[in-house]
């Protein structure tokens, strides 16, 4: 009887160990996928060619057919949003640069293959970085230490609302954004460099 108990006890331990190894494998595999996705998020940047429209896409036939929309030129910015920014600001490369960077961050919310706290925090960090880039480039402070006036905040909000309105223009996209934010934990900007494109490289 004692030997039988030992036998079943050993079998239970073995089964538990195998289950733990399998579970650990799933956890590590999931972490590897998250780390790879986070690295991809942080490495996705706007380029000067994007700012100058070197590869502007044609107007998509049905831009709202899916939540992700159309990105024919594969630069990470949804085509209809990209074209709207160029139409609104044809004569200001600086404005296009910061708004395209912001649109790029927002589009990441719609196209993630792995959605968990790690990837959501990374995307929102990019969103925050882009928003601060808009503020510092288009509505600079009078001095680094000065607080922003209410009129400055209104100007900044006007720029971000323009892109938000184009990006989240359907019920489905707004719902997808809300679902995405449900996974949000704590986040921070991924880089000390707020802007993908140095504004000093742009004349206007």
N, C-alpha and C. Protein backbone atom coordinates (compact mmCIF):
# COMPACT_ATOMS: atom_id res chain seq x y z
N UNK A 1 0.83 -1.21 0.00
CA UNK A 1 0.00 0.00 0.00
C UNK A 1 0.86 1.26 0.00
N UNK A 2 1.92 1.23 0.86
CA UNK A 2 2.82 2.39 0.96
C UNK A 2 3.53 2.63 -0.37
N UNK A 3 3.96 1.53 -1.01
CA UNK A 3 4.64 1.65 -2.31
C UNK A 3 3.69 2.22 -3.36
N UNK A 4 2.43 1.80 -3.27
CA UNK A 4 1.42 2.30 -4.21
C UNK A 4 1.23 3.81 -4.06
N UNK A 5 1.19 4.26 -2.79
CA UNK A 5 1.03 5.70 -2.53
C UNK A 5 2.22 6.47 -3.07
N UNK A 6 3.43 5.92 -2.84
CA UNK A 6 4.64 6.55 -3.36
C UNK A 6 4.61 6.63 -4.88
N UNK A 7 4.14 5.55 -5.48
CA UNK A 7 4.06 5.50 -6.95
C UNK A 7 3.14 6.58 -7.48
N UNK A 8 1.94 6.69 -6.90
CA UNK A 8 0.98 7.70 -7.37
C UNK A 8 1.44 9.11 -7.03
N UNK A 9 2.10 9.23 -5.88
CA UNK A 9 2.65 10.54 -5.50
C UNK A 9 3.72 10.99 -6.47
N UNK A 10 4.60 10.06 -6.85
CA UNK A 10 5.65 10.38 -7.81
C UNK A 10 5.08 10.75 -9.17
N UNK A 11 4.02 10.02 -9.56
CA UNK A 11 3.37 10.31 -10.84
C UNK A 11 2.75 11.70 -10.82
N UNK A 12 2.13 12.04 -9.69
CA UNK A 12 1.51 13.37 -9.57
C UNK A 12 2.56 14.46 -9.66
N UNK A 13 3.70 14.24 -9.01
CA UNK A 13 4.79 15.22 -9.07
C UNK A 13 5.30 15.37 -10.49
N UNK A 14 5.44 14.23 -11.18
CA UNK A 14 5.93 14.26 -12.57
C UNK A 14 4.96 15.02 -13.47
N UNK A 15 3.66 14.73 -13.32
CA UNK A 15 2.65 15.42 -14.12
C UNK A 15 2.67 16.92 -13.83
N UNK A 16 2.79 17.27 -12.55
CA UNK A 16 2.86 18.67 -12.16
C UNK A 16 4.08 19.36 -12.75
N UNK A 17 5.21 18.66 -12.76
CA UNK A 17 6.44 19.23 -13.30
C UNK A 17 6.30 19.47 -14.81
N UNK A 18 5.76 18.48 -15.52
CA UNK A 18 5.57 18.61 -16.96
C UNK A 18 4.63 19.78 -17.26
N UNK A 19 3.55 19.89 -16.49
CA UNK A 19 2.60 20.99 -16.68
C UNK A 19 3.28 22.34 -16.45
N UNK A 20 4.14 22.40 -15.43
CA UNK A 20 4.87 23.64 -15.12
C UNK A 20 5.82 24.02 -16.25
N UNK A 21 6.51 23.01 -16.80
CA UNK A 21 7.43 23.26 -17.91
C UNK A 21 6.66 23.79 -19.14
N UNK A 22 5.52 23.17 -19.42
CA UNK A 22 4.71 23.61 -20.57
C UNK A 22 4.20 25.03 -20.34
N UNK A 23 3.70 25.29 -19.13
CA UNK A 23 3.20 26.63 -18.81
C UNK A 23 4.31 27.67 -18.93
N UNK A 24 5.48 27.30 -18.38
CA UNK A 24 6.63 28.22 -18.44
C UNK A 24 7.01 28.49 -19.89
N UNK A 25 6.91 27.48 -20.74
CA UNK A 25 7.22 27.66 -22.15
C UNK A 25 6.28 28.65 -22.82
N UNK A 26 4.98 28.54 -22.48
CA UNK A 26 4.00 29.49 -23.02
C UNK A 26 4.29 30.91 -22.55
N UNK A 27 4.63 31.04 -21.26
CA UNK A 27 4.93 32.36 -20.70
C UNK A 27 6.13 32.99 -21.39
N UNK A 28 7.20 32.21 -21.52
CA UNK A 28 8.42 32.73 -22.16
C UNK A 28 8.18 33.07 -23.62
N UNK A 29 7.41 32.23 -24.31
CA UNK A 29 7.09 32.50 -25.71
C UNK A 29 6.29 33.78 -25.85
N UNK A 30 5.32 33.97 -24.94
CA UNK A 30 4.53 35.19 -24.96
C UNK A 30 5.37 36.41 -24.66
N UNK A 31 6.32 36.28 -23.72
CA UNK A 31 7.19 37.39 -23.38
C UNK A 31 8.11 37.74 -24.54
N UNK A 32 8.60 36.71 -25.23
CA UNK A 32 9.45 36.95 -26.41
C UNK A 32 8.68 37.72 -27.49
N UNK A 33 7.43 37.33 -27.71
CA UNK A 33 6.61 38.01 -28.71
C UNK A 33 6.35 39.46 -28.30
N UNK A 34 6.09 39.67 -27.00
CA UNK A 34 5.87 41.03 -26.51
C UNK A 34 7.12 41.88 -26.69
N UNK A 35 8.27 41.33 -26.31
CA UNK A 35 9.53 42.08 -26.43
C UNK A 35 9.83 42.45 -27.88
N UNK A 36 9.56 41.51 -28.79
CA UNK A 36 9.80 41.78 -30.21
C UNK A 36 8.86 42.86 -30.72
N UNK A 37 7.61 42.82 -30.27
CA UNK A 37 6.63 43.81 -30.71
C UNK A 37 6.96 45.19 -30.13
N UNK A 38 7.39 45.24 -28.88
CA UNK A 38 7.77 46.51 -28.26
C UNK A 38 8.97 47.12 -28.99
N UNK A 39 9.94 46.28 -29.33
CA UNK A 39 11.10 46.78 -30.07
C UNK A 39 10.68 47.33 -31.42
N UNK A 40 9.76 46.66 -32.08
CA UNK A 40 9.25 47.13 -33.37
C UNK A 40 8.55 48.48 -33.22
N UNK A 41 7.76 48.62 -32.17
CA UNK A 41 7.05 49.88 -31.91
C UNK A 41 8.04 51.03 -31.76
N UNK A 42 9.07 50.82 -30.94
CA UNK A 42 10.04 51.88 -30.67
C UNK A 42 10.93 52.19 -31.88
N UNK A 43 11.08 51.22 -32.76
CA UNK A 43 11.94 51.42 -33.94
C UNK A 43 11.20 51.95 -35.15
N UNK A 44 9.88 52.08 -35.06
CA UNK A 44 9.10 52.61 -36.17
C UNK A 44 9.10 54.13 -36.11
N UNK A 45 9.74 54.76 -37.07
CA UNK A 45 9.92 56.22 -37.05
C UNK A 45 9.49 56.83 -38.37
N UNK A 46 9.13 58.11 -38.29
CA UNK A 46 8.83 58.90 -39.47
C UNK A 46 10.14 59.23 -40.18
N UNK A 47 10.10 59.42 -41.50
CA UNK A 47 11.30 59.80 -42.26
C UNK A 47 11.07 61.12 -42.99
N UNK A 48 12.15 61.72 -43.44
CA UNK A 48 12.05 62.96 -44.22
C UNK A 48 11.27 62.73 -45.51
N UNK A 49 11.41 61.57 -46.11
CA UNK A 49 10.65 61.27 -47.33
C UNK A 49 9.15 61.32 -47.06
N UNK A 50 8.74 60.85 -45.87
CA UNK A 50 7.33 60.93 -45.50
C UNK A 50 6.88 62.39 -45.40
N UNK A 51 7.71 63.20 -44.78
CA UNK A 51 7.36 64.61 -44.56
C UNK A 51 7.22 65.36 -45.88
N UNK A 52 8.09 65.04 -46.83
CA UNK A 52 8.08 65.74 -48.12
C UNK A 52 7.20 65.05 -49.16
N UNK A 53 6.53 63.99 -48.77
CA UNK A 53 5.58 63.34 -49.67
C UNK A 53 6.23 62.66 -50.86
N UNK A 54 7.41 62.09 -50.66
CA UNK A 54 8.12 61.44 -51.77
C UNK A 54 7.40 60.21 -52.28
N UNK A 55 6.55 59.64 -51.41
CA UNK A 55 5.85 58.41 -51.80
C UNK A 55 4.39 58.48 -51.35
N UNK A 56 3.74 59.61 -51.66
CA UNK A 56 2.35 59.76 -51.25
C UNK A 56 1.47 58.70 -51.91
N UNK A 57 0.57 58.12 -51.15
CA UNK A 57 -0.31 57.08 -51.71
C UNK A 57 -1.46 57.71 -52.49
N UNK A 58 -2.09 56.93 -53.36
CA UNK A 58 -3.33 57.42 -53.99
C UNK A 58 -4.46 57.39 -52.98
N UNK A 59 -5.50 58.18 -53.18
CA UNK A 59 -6.64 58.12 -52.26
C UNK A 59 -7.24 56.72 -52.25
N UNK A 60 -7.39 56.13 -51.08
CA UNK A 60 -7.95 54.77 -51.02
C UNK A 60 -9.42 54.76 -51.44
N UNK A 61 -9.81 53.71 -52.15
CA UNK A 61 -11.19 53.61 -52.65
C UNK A 61 -12.19 53.50 -51.51
N UNK A 62 -11.84 52.74 -50.49
CA UNK A 62 -12.76 52.55 -49.37
C UNK A 62 -11.94 52.57 -48.07
N UNK A 63 -11.59 53.76 -47.58
CA UNK A 63 -10.68 53.86 -46.44
C UNK A 63 -11.24 53.34 -45.13
N UNK A 64 -12.54 53.19 -45.03
CA UNK A 64 -13.16 52.80 -43.77
C UNK A 64 -13.69 51.38 -43.77
N UNK A 65 -13.26 50.58 -44.74
CA UNK A 65 -13.76 49.20 -44.84
C UNK A 65 -13.31 48.35 -43.66
N UNK A 66 -12.12 48.64 -43.12
CA UNK A 66 -11.60 47.90 -41.97
C UNK A 66 -11.15 48.88 -40.91
N UNK A 67 -10.94 48.39 -39.70
CA UNK A 67 -10.48 49.26 -38.62
C UNK A 67 -9.08 49.78 -38.91
N UNK A 68 -8.20 48.92 -39.41
CA UNK A 68 -6.82 49.34 -39.70
C UNK A 68 -6.76 50.28 -40.90
N UNK A 69 -7.70 50.16 -41.83
CA UNK A 69 -7.68 51.01 -43.01
C UNK A 69 -6.61 50.59 -44.00
N UNK A 70 -6.24 51.53 -44.88
CA UNK A 70 -5.31 51.24 -45.97
C UNK A 70 -4.00 51.99 -45.74
N UNK A 71 -2.89 51.29 -45.91
CA UNK A 71 -1.55 51.90 -45.85
C UNK A 71 -0.75 51.39 -47.04
N UNK A 72 -1.11 51.88 -48.23
CA UNK A 72 -0.52 51.35 -49.47
C UNK A 72 0.98 51.62 -49.55
N UNK A 73 1.43 52.76 -49.03
CA UNK A 73 2.87 53.06 -49.12
C UNK A 73 3.67 52.52 -47.94
N UNK A 74 3.00 51.83 -47.03
CA UNK A 74 3.62 51.08 -45.93
C UNK A 74 4.56 51.94 -45.07
N UNK A 75 4.14 53.15 -44.76
CA UNK A 75 4.96 53.98 -43.87
C UNK A 75 4.40 54.07 -42.47
N UNK A 76 3.35 53.29 -42.19
CA UNK A 76 2.79 53.25 -40.84
C UNK A 76 1.69 54.25 -40.58
N UNK A 77 1.47 55.17 -41.51
CA UNK A 77 0.40 56.17 -41.37
C UNK A 77 -0.74 55.77 -42.30
N UNK A 78 -1.95 55.76 -41.78
CA UNK A 78 -3.09 55.39 -42.64
C UNK A 78 -3.20 56.38 -43.79
N UNK A 79 -3.43 55.89 -45.01
CA UNK A 79 -3.34 56.72 -46.21
C UNK A 79 -4.28 57.91 -46.20
N UNK A 80 -5.54 57.70 -45.79
CA UNK A 80 -6.48 58.81 -45.82
C UNK A 80 -6.10 59.90 -44.81
N UNK A 81 -5.52 59.50 -43.67
CA UNK A 81 -5.06 60.47 -42.67
C UNK A 81 -3.84 61.22 -43.20
N UNK A 82 -2.93 60.50 -43.80
CA UNK A 82 -1.73 61.11 -44.38
C UNK A 82 -2.11 62.16 -45.43
N UNK A 83 -3.01 61.81 -46.32
CA UNK A 83 -3.44 62.73 -47.38
C UNK A 83 -4.16 63.94 -46.80
N UNK A 84 -4.94 63.73 -45.73
CA UNK A 84 -5.65 64.84 -45.09
C UNK A 84 -4.67 65.84 -44.48
N UNK A 85 -3.58 65.34 -43.90
CA UNK A 85 -2.56 66.23 -43.31
C UNK A 85 -1.88 67.04 -44.40
N UNK A 86 -1.56 66.40 -45.52
CA UNK A 86 -0.92 67.12 -46.63
C UNK A 86 -1.87 68.17 -47.22
N UNK A 87 -3.14 67.83 -47.29
CA UNK A 87 -4.11 68.77 -47.85
C UNK A 87 -4.28 69.97 -46.93
N UNK A 88 -4.29 69.74 -45.63
CA UNK A 88 -4.51 70.82 -44.66
C UNK A 88 -3.28 71.71 -44.50
N UNK A 89 -2.08 71.12 -44.62
CA UNK A 89 -0.84 71.88 -44.39
C UNK A 89 0.14 71.68 -45.55
N UNK A 90 -0.23 72.12 -46.75
CA UNK A 90 0.63 71.89 -47.92
C UNK A 90 1.93 72.70 -47.89
N UNK A 91 1.96 73.78 -47.11
CA UNK A 91 3.10 74.69 -47.15
C UNK A 91 3.92 74.69 -45.87
N UNK A 92 3.68 73.74 -45.00
CA UNK A 92 4.44 73.70 -43.74
C UNK A 92 4.95 72.30 -43.46
N UNK A 93 6.22 72.08 -43.81
CA UNK A 93 6.83 70.77 -43.57
C UNK A 93 6.92 70.47 -42.08
N UNK A 94 7.18 71.48 -41.27
CA UNK A 94 7.27 71.26 -39.82
C UNK A 94 5.94 70.76 -39.26
N UNK A 95 4.86 71.37 -39.68
CA UNK A 95 3.55 70.94 -39.19
C UNK A 95 3.25 69.52 -39.66
N UNK A 96 3.54 69.24 -40.92
CA UNK A 96 3.32 67.87 -41.43
C UNK A 96 4.16 66.87 -40.65
N UNK A 97 5.39 67.23 -40.35
CA UNK A 97 6.30 66.30 -39.66
C UNK A 97 5.74 65.88 -38.31
N UNK A 98 5.31 66.85 -37.52
CA UNK A 98 4.87 66.50 -36.17
C UNK A 98 3.49 65.84 -36.18
N UNK A 99 2.62 66.25 -37.11
CA UNK A 99 1.29 65.63 -37.17
C UNK A 99 1.36 64.22 -37.75
N UNK A 100 2.23 63.99 -38.72
CA UNK A 100 2.41 62.64 -39.25
C UNK A 100 2.99 61.71 -38.19
N UNK A 101 3.91 62.23 -37.38
CA UNK A 101 4.45 61.42 -36.28
C UNK A 101 3.35 61.04 -35.30
N UNK A 102 2.48 61.98 -35.00
CA UNK A 102 1.36 61.72 -34.10
C UNK A 102 0.40 60.69 -34.72
N UNK A 103 0.11 60.85 -36.01
CA UNK A 103 -0.77 59.91 -36.71
C UNK A 103 -0.16 58.51 -36.74
N UNK A 104 1.16 58.45 -36.89
CA UNK A 104 1.86 57.17 -36.88
C UNK A 104 1.67 56.47 -35.54
N UNK A 105 1.79 57.22 -34.45
CA UNK A 105 1.60 56.63 -33.12
C UNK A 105 0.16 56.16 -32.92
N UNK A 106 -0.80 56.95 -33.39
CA UNK A 106 -2.20 56.56 -33.23
C UNK A 106 -2.54 55.32 -34.05
N UNK A 107 -1.95 55.22 -35.23
CA UNK A 107 -2.23 54.06 -36.08
C UNK A 107 -1.71 52.77 -35.43
N UNK A 108 -0.65 52.89 -34.63
CA UNK A 108 -0.13 51.71 -33.94
C UNK A 108 -1.19 51.08 -33.04
N UNK A 109 -2.12 51.89 -32.53
CA UNK A 109 -3.17 51.36 -31.69
C UNK A 109 -4.09 50.41 -32.46
N UNK A 110 -4.17 50.59 -33.77
CA UNK A 110 -5.11 49.84 -34.59
C UNK A 110 -4.51 48.57 -35.19
N UNK A 111 -3.19 48.47 -35.20
CA UNK A 111 -2.56 47.39 -35.99
C UNK A 111 -1.72 46.42 -35.17
N UNK A 112 -1.76 46.50 -33.85
CA UNK A 112 -0.92 45.63 -33.04
C UNK A 112 -1.34 44.16 -33.17
N UNK A 113 -0.36 43.30 -33.40
CA UNK A 113 -0.63 41.86 -33.43
C UNK A 113 -0.62 41.27 -32.03
N UNK A 114 0.09 41.91 -31.11
CA UNK A 114 0.11 41.50 -29.71
C UNK A 114 -0.41 42.67 -28.89
N UNK A 115 -1.53 42.47 -28.21
CA UNK A 115 -2.11 43.54 -27.40
C UNK A 115 -2.12 43.09 -25.94
N UNK A 116 -1.22 43.64 -25.16
CA UNK A 116 -1.18 43.41 -23.72
C UNK A 116 -0.59 44.66 -23.07
N UNK A 117 -0.41 44.63 -21.77
CA UNK A 117 0.06 45.82 -21.07
C UNK A 117 1.39 46.33 -21.63
N UNK A 118 2.31 45.40 -21.95
CA UNK A 118 3.62 45.80 -22.44
C UNK A 118 3.55 46.55 -23.76
N UNK A 119 2.81 46.02 -24.72
CA UNK A 119 2.74 46.67 -26.02
C UNK A 119 1.91 47.96 -25.96
N UNK A 120 0.84 47.94 -25.17
CA UNK A 120 0.01 49.14 -25.06
C UNK A 120 0.79 50.27 -24.41
N UNK A 121 1.53 49.97 -23.36
CA UNK A 121 2.36 51.00 -22.72
C UNK A 121 3.37 51.59 -23.70
N UNK A 122 3.95 50.73 -24.54
CA UNK A 122 4.94 51.20 -25.51
C UNK A 122 4.30 52.13 -26.53
N UNK A 123 3.12 51.77 -27.01
CA UNK A 123 2.43 52.61 -27.99
C UNK A 123 2.02 53.95 -27.38
N UNK A 124 1.47 53.92 -26.18
CA UNK A 124 1.04 55.15 -25.54
C UNK A 124 2.24 56.04 -25.22
N UNK A 125 3.38 55.42 -24.94
CA UNK A 125 4.61 56.21 -24.77
C UNK A 125 4.98 56.95 -26.05
N UNK A 126 4.81 56.28 -27.19
CA UNK A 126 5.07 56.92 -28.48
C UNK A 126 4.05 58.02 -28.75
N UNK A 127 2.81 57.78 -28.37
CA UNK A 127 1.74 58.77 -28.51
C UNK A 127 2.07 60.02 -27.70
N UNK A 128 2.51 59.81 -26.45
CA UNK A 128 2.87 60.93 -25.57
C UNK A 128 4.06 61.71 -26.13
N UNK A 129 5.04 60.97 -26.63
CA UNK A 129 6.23 61.61 -27.21
C UNK A 129 5.83 62.47 -28.41
N UNK A 130 4.95 61.96 -29.25
CA UNK A 130 4.51 62.70 -30.43
C UNK A 130 3.70 63.93 -30.04
N UNK A 131 2.86 63.79 -29.02
CA UNK A 131 2.07 64.93 -28.56
C UNK A 131 2.95 66.05 -28.02
N UNK A 132 4.00 65.67 -27.29
CA UNK A 132 4.92 66.67 -26.76
C UNK A 132 5.72 67.31 -27.89
N UNK A 133 6.03 66.52 -28.92
CA UNK A 133 6.72 67.06 -30.09
C UNK A 133 5.87 68.13 -30.77
N UNK A 134 4.57 67.88 -30.89
CA UNK A 134 3.66 68.88 -31.47
C UNK A 134 3.73 70.17 -30.67
N UNK A 135 3.61 70.03 -29.35
CA UNK A 135 3.60 71.21 -28.49
C UNK A 135 4.89 72.00 -28.59
N UNK A 136 6.03 71.31 -28.50
CA UNK A 136 7.31 72.02 -28.47
C UNK A 136 7.70 72.59 -29.82
N UNK A 137 7.23 71.98 -30.91
CA UNK A 137 7.60 72.45 -32.24
C UNK A 137 6.67 73.56 -32.73
N UNK A 138 5.37 73.38 -32.54
CA UNK A 138 4.40 74.30 -33.12
C UNK A 138 3.94 75.39 -32.15
N UNK A 139 4.02 75.10 -30.85
CA UNK A 139 3.60 76.08 -29.84
C UNK A 139 4.67 76.12 -28.75
N UNK A 140 5.88 76.58 -29.08
CA UNK A 140 6.97 76.54 -28.11
C UNK A 140 6.73 77.46 -26.91
N UNK A 141 7.27 77.07 -25.76
CA UNK A 141 7.20 77.90 -24.57
C UNK A 141 8.08 79.14 -24.75
N UNK A 142 7.77 80.19 -24.02
CA UNK A 142 8.61 81.39 -24.05
C UNK A 142 9.97 81.11 -23.44
N UNK A 143 10.01 80.20 -22.48
CA UNK A 143 11.26 79.73 -21.90
C UNK A 143 11.03 78.30 -21.42
N UNK A 144 12.09 77.51 -21.28
CA UNK A 144 11.90 76.11 -20.86
C UNK A 144 11.19 75.97 -19.51
N UNK A 145 11.33 76.96 -18.65
CA UNK A 145 10.75 76.87 -17.30
C UNK A 145 9.33 77.42 -17.24
N UNK A 146 8.91 78.15 -18.25
CA UNK A 146 7.61 78.81 -18.18
C UNK A 146 6.47 77.81 -18.35
N UNK A 147 5.36 78.10 -17.72
CA UNK A 147 4.16 77.27 -17.87
C UNK A 147 3.39 77.73 -19.10
N UNK A 148 2.60 76.85 -19.64
CA UNK A 148 1.85 77.19 -20.85
C UNK A 148 0.59 77.99 -20.51
N UNK A 149 0.33 78.99 -21.32
CA UNK A 149 -0.91 79.75 -21.18
C UNK A 149 -2.07 78.92 -21.70
N UNK A 150 -3.28 79.27 -21.26
CA UNK A 150 -4.47 78.55 -21.71
C UNK A 150 -4.59 78.60 -23.24
N UNK A 151 -4.23 79.73 -23.83
CA UNK A 151 -4.31 79.86 -25.29
C UNK A 151 -3.35 78.90 -25.99
N UNK A 152 -2.19 78.67 -25.36
CA UNK A 152 -1.23 77.71 -25.93
C UNK A 152 -1.81 76.30 -25.91
N UNK A 153 -2.44 75.94 -24.80
CA UNK A 153 -3.03 74.60 -24.67
C UNK A 153 -4.13 74.41 -25.70
N UNK A 154 -4.92 75.46 -25.93
CA UNK A 154 -5.98 75.39 -26.94
C UNK A 154 -5.39 75.15 -28.33
N UNK A 155 -4.28 75.82 -28.64
CA UNK A 155 -3.63 75.64 -29.94
C UNK A 155 -3.12 74.21 -30.10
N UNK A 156 -2.49 73.69 -29.06
CA UNK A 156 -1.99 72.32 -29.10
C UNK A 156 -3.14 71.34 -29.29
N UNK A 157 -4.22 71.55 -28.53
CA UNK A 157 -5.38 70.67 -28.64
C UNK A 157 -5.99 70.71 -30.04
N UNK A 158 -5.96 71.86 -30.66
CA UNK A 158 -6.52 71.99 -32.01
C UNK A 158 -5.77 71.09 -32.99
N UNK A 159 -4.45 71.05 -32.86
CA UNK A 159 -3.64 70.19 -33.75
C UNK A 159 -3.94 68.71 -33.49
N UNK A 160 -3.97 68.32 -32.21
CA UNK A 160 -4.19 66.90 -31.92
C UNK A 160 -5.63 66.49 -32.25
N UNK A 161 -6.60 67.40 -32.03
CA UNK A 161 -7.99 67.07 -32.37
C UNK A 161 -8.16 66.87 -33.87
N UNK A 162 -7.42 67.63 -34.66
CA UNK A 162 -7.50 67.47 -36.11
C UNK A 162 -7.11 66.04 -36.51
N UNK A 163 -6.00 65.57 -35.98
CA UNK A 163 -5.54 64.22 -36.32
C UNK A 163 -6.44 63.17 -35.69
N UNK A 164 -6.83 63.36 -34.43
CA UNK A 164 -7.74 62.41 -33.77
C UNK A 164 -9.03 62.25 -34.56
N UNK A 165 -9.57 63.37 -35.04
CA UNK A 165 -10.82 63.32 -35.80
C UNK A 165 -10.70 62.53 -37.08
N UNK A 166 -9.55 62.62 -37.73
CA UNK A 166 -9.32 61.85 -38.96
C UNK A 166 -9.05 60.38 -38.65
N UNK A 167 -8.30 60.15 -37.57
CA UNK A 167 -7.86 58.79 -37.24
C UNK A 167 -9.01 57.95 -36.68
N UNK A 168 -9.76 58.51 -35.77
CA UNK A 168 -10.84 57.75 -35.12
C UNK A 168 -12.18 58.27 -35.64
N UNK A 169 -12.42 58.01 -36.90
CA UNK A 169 -13.56 58.61 -37.61
C UNK A 169 -14.74 57.67 -37.78
N UNK A 170 -14.67 56.49 -37.18
CA UNK A 170 -15.81 55.57 -37.24
C UNK A 170 -16.09 55.02 -35.84
N UNK A 171 -17.29 54.52 -35.67
CA UNK A 171 -17.67 53.92 -34.38
C UNK A 171 -16.75 52.76 -34.05
N UNK A 172 -16.42 51.96 -35.07
CA UNK A 172 -15.57 50.78 -34.86
C UNK A 172 -14.17 51.17 -34.41
N UNK A 173 -13.63 52.21 -35.01
CA UNK A 173 -12.27 52.65 -34.63
C UNK A 173 -12.25 53.25 -33.22
N UNK A 174 -13.29 53.99 -32.87
CA UNK A 174 -13.37 54.53 -31.51
C UNK A 174 -13.49 53.40 -30.49
N UNK A 175 -14.26 52.37 -30.82
CA UNK A 175 -14.41 51.22 -29.92
C UNK A 175 -13.09 50.46 -29.79
N UNK A 176 -12.38 50.32 -30.90
CA UNK A 176 -11.09 49.64 -30.88
C UNK A 176 -10.09 50.41 -30.02
N UNK A 177 -10.13 51.72 -30.09
CA UNK A 177 -9.25 52.55 -29.25
C UNK A 177 -9.57 52.33 -27.78
N UNK A 178 -10.85 52.35 -27.43
CA UNK A 178 -11.25 52.15 -26.03
C UNK A 178 -10.79 50.78 -25.53
N UNK A 179 -10.96 49.75 -26.35
CA UNK A 179 -10.54 48.40 -25.98
C UNK A 179 -9.03 48.35 -25.80
N UNK A 180 -8.31 49.03 -26.67
CA UNK A 180 -6.84 49.07 -26.59
C UNK A 180 -6.41 49.67 -25.25
N UNK A 181 -7.05 50.76 -24.85
CA UNK A 181 -6.68 51.45 -23.61
C UNK A 181 -7.03 50.65 -22.37
N UNK A 182 -7.88 49.65 -22.50
CA UNK A 182 -8.21 48.81 -21.35
C UNK A 182 -6.99 48.05 -20.82
N UNK A 183 -5.96 47.89 -21.65
CA UNK A 183 -4.76 47.15 -21.25
C UNK A 183 -3.66 48.08 -20.72
N UNK A 184 -3.95 49.37 -20.60
CA UNK A 184 -2.92 50.34 -20.25
C UNK A 184 -2.48 50.18 -18.80
N UNK A 185 -1.16 50.20 -18.60
CA UNK A 185 -0.58 50.25 -17.26
C UNK A 185 0.13 51.58 -17.10
N UNK A 186 1.33 51.57 -16.59
CA UNK A 186 2.13 52.80 -16.51
C UNK A 186 3.02 52.87 -17.74
N UNK A 187 3.31 54.08 -18.19
CA UNK A 187 4.12 54.22 -19.39
C UNK A 187 5.00 55.46 -19.27
N UNK A 188 5.99 55.52 -20.16
CA UNK A 188 6.85 56.70 -20.23
C UNK A 188 7.33 56.83 -21.66
N UNK A 189 7.81 58.01 -22.02
CA UNK A 189 8.34 58.21 -23.36
C UNK A 189 9.51 57.26 -23.59
N UNK A 190 9.61 56.74 -24.80
CA UNK A 190 10.64 55.74 -25.09
C UNK A 190 12.00 56.35 -25.36
N UNK A 191 12.05 57.66 -25.53
CA UNK A 191 13.30 58.30 -25.93
C UNK A 191 13.33 59.73 -25.41
N UNK A 192 14.54 60.23 -25.17
CA UNK A 192 14.68 61.64 -24.81
C UNK A 192 14.43 62.54 -26.00
N UNK A 193 14.56 61.97 -27.22
CA UNK A 193 14.29 62.73 -28.43
C UNK A 193 12.79 62.69 -28.68
N UNK A 194 12.15 63.84 -28.58
CA UNK A 194 10.70 63.87 -28.71
C UNK A 194 10.24 63.74 -30.15
N UNK A 195 10.99 64.31 -31.08
CA UNK A 195 10.57 64.34 -32.48
C UNK A 195 11.40 63.39 -33.32
N UNK A 196 10.73 62.65 -34.21
CA UNK A 196 11.45 61.79 -35.15
C UNK A 196 12.29 62.61 -36.12
N UNK A 197 11.78 63.78 -36.50
CA UNK A 197 12.46 64.65 -37.46
C UNK A 197 12.92 65.91 -36.74
N UNK A 198 14.17 66.23 -36.88
CA UNK A 198 14.72 67.46 -36.30
C UNK A 198 14.14 68.67 -37.04
N UNK A 199 13.41 69.52 -36.31
CA UNK A 199 12.75 70.68 -36.94
C UNK A 199 13.75 71.61 -37.60
N UNK A 200 15.00 71.61 -37.15
CA UNK A 200 15.99 72.50 -37.74
C UNK A 200 16.33 72.10 -39.18
N UNK A 201 15.97 70.88 -39.55
CA UNK A 201 16.21 70.43 -40.93
C UNK A 201 15.14 70.96 -41.90
N UNK A 202 14.08 71.54 -41.33
CA UNK A 202 12.94 71.99 -42.14
C UNK A 202 12.89 73.51 -42.14
N UNK A 203 12.70 74.09 -43.31
CA UNK A 203 12.72 75.56 -43.45
C UNK A 203 11.42 76.19 -43.01
N UNK A 204 10.31 75.48 -43.12
CA UNK A 204 9.03 76.09 -42.78
C UNK A 204 8.15 75.13 -42.00
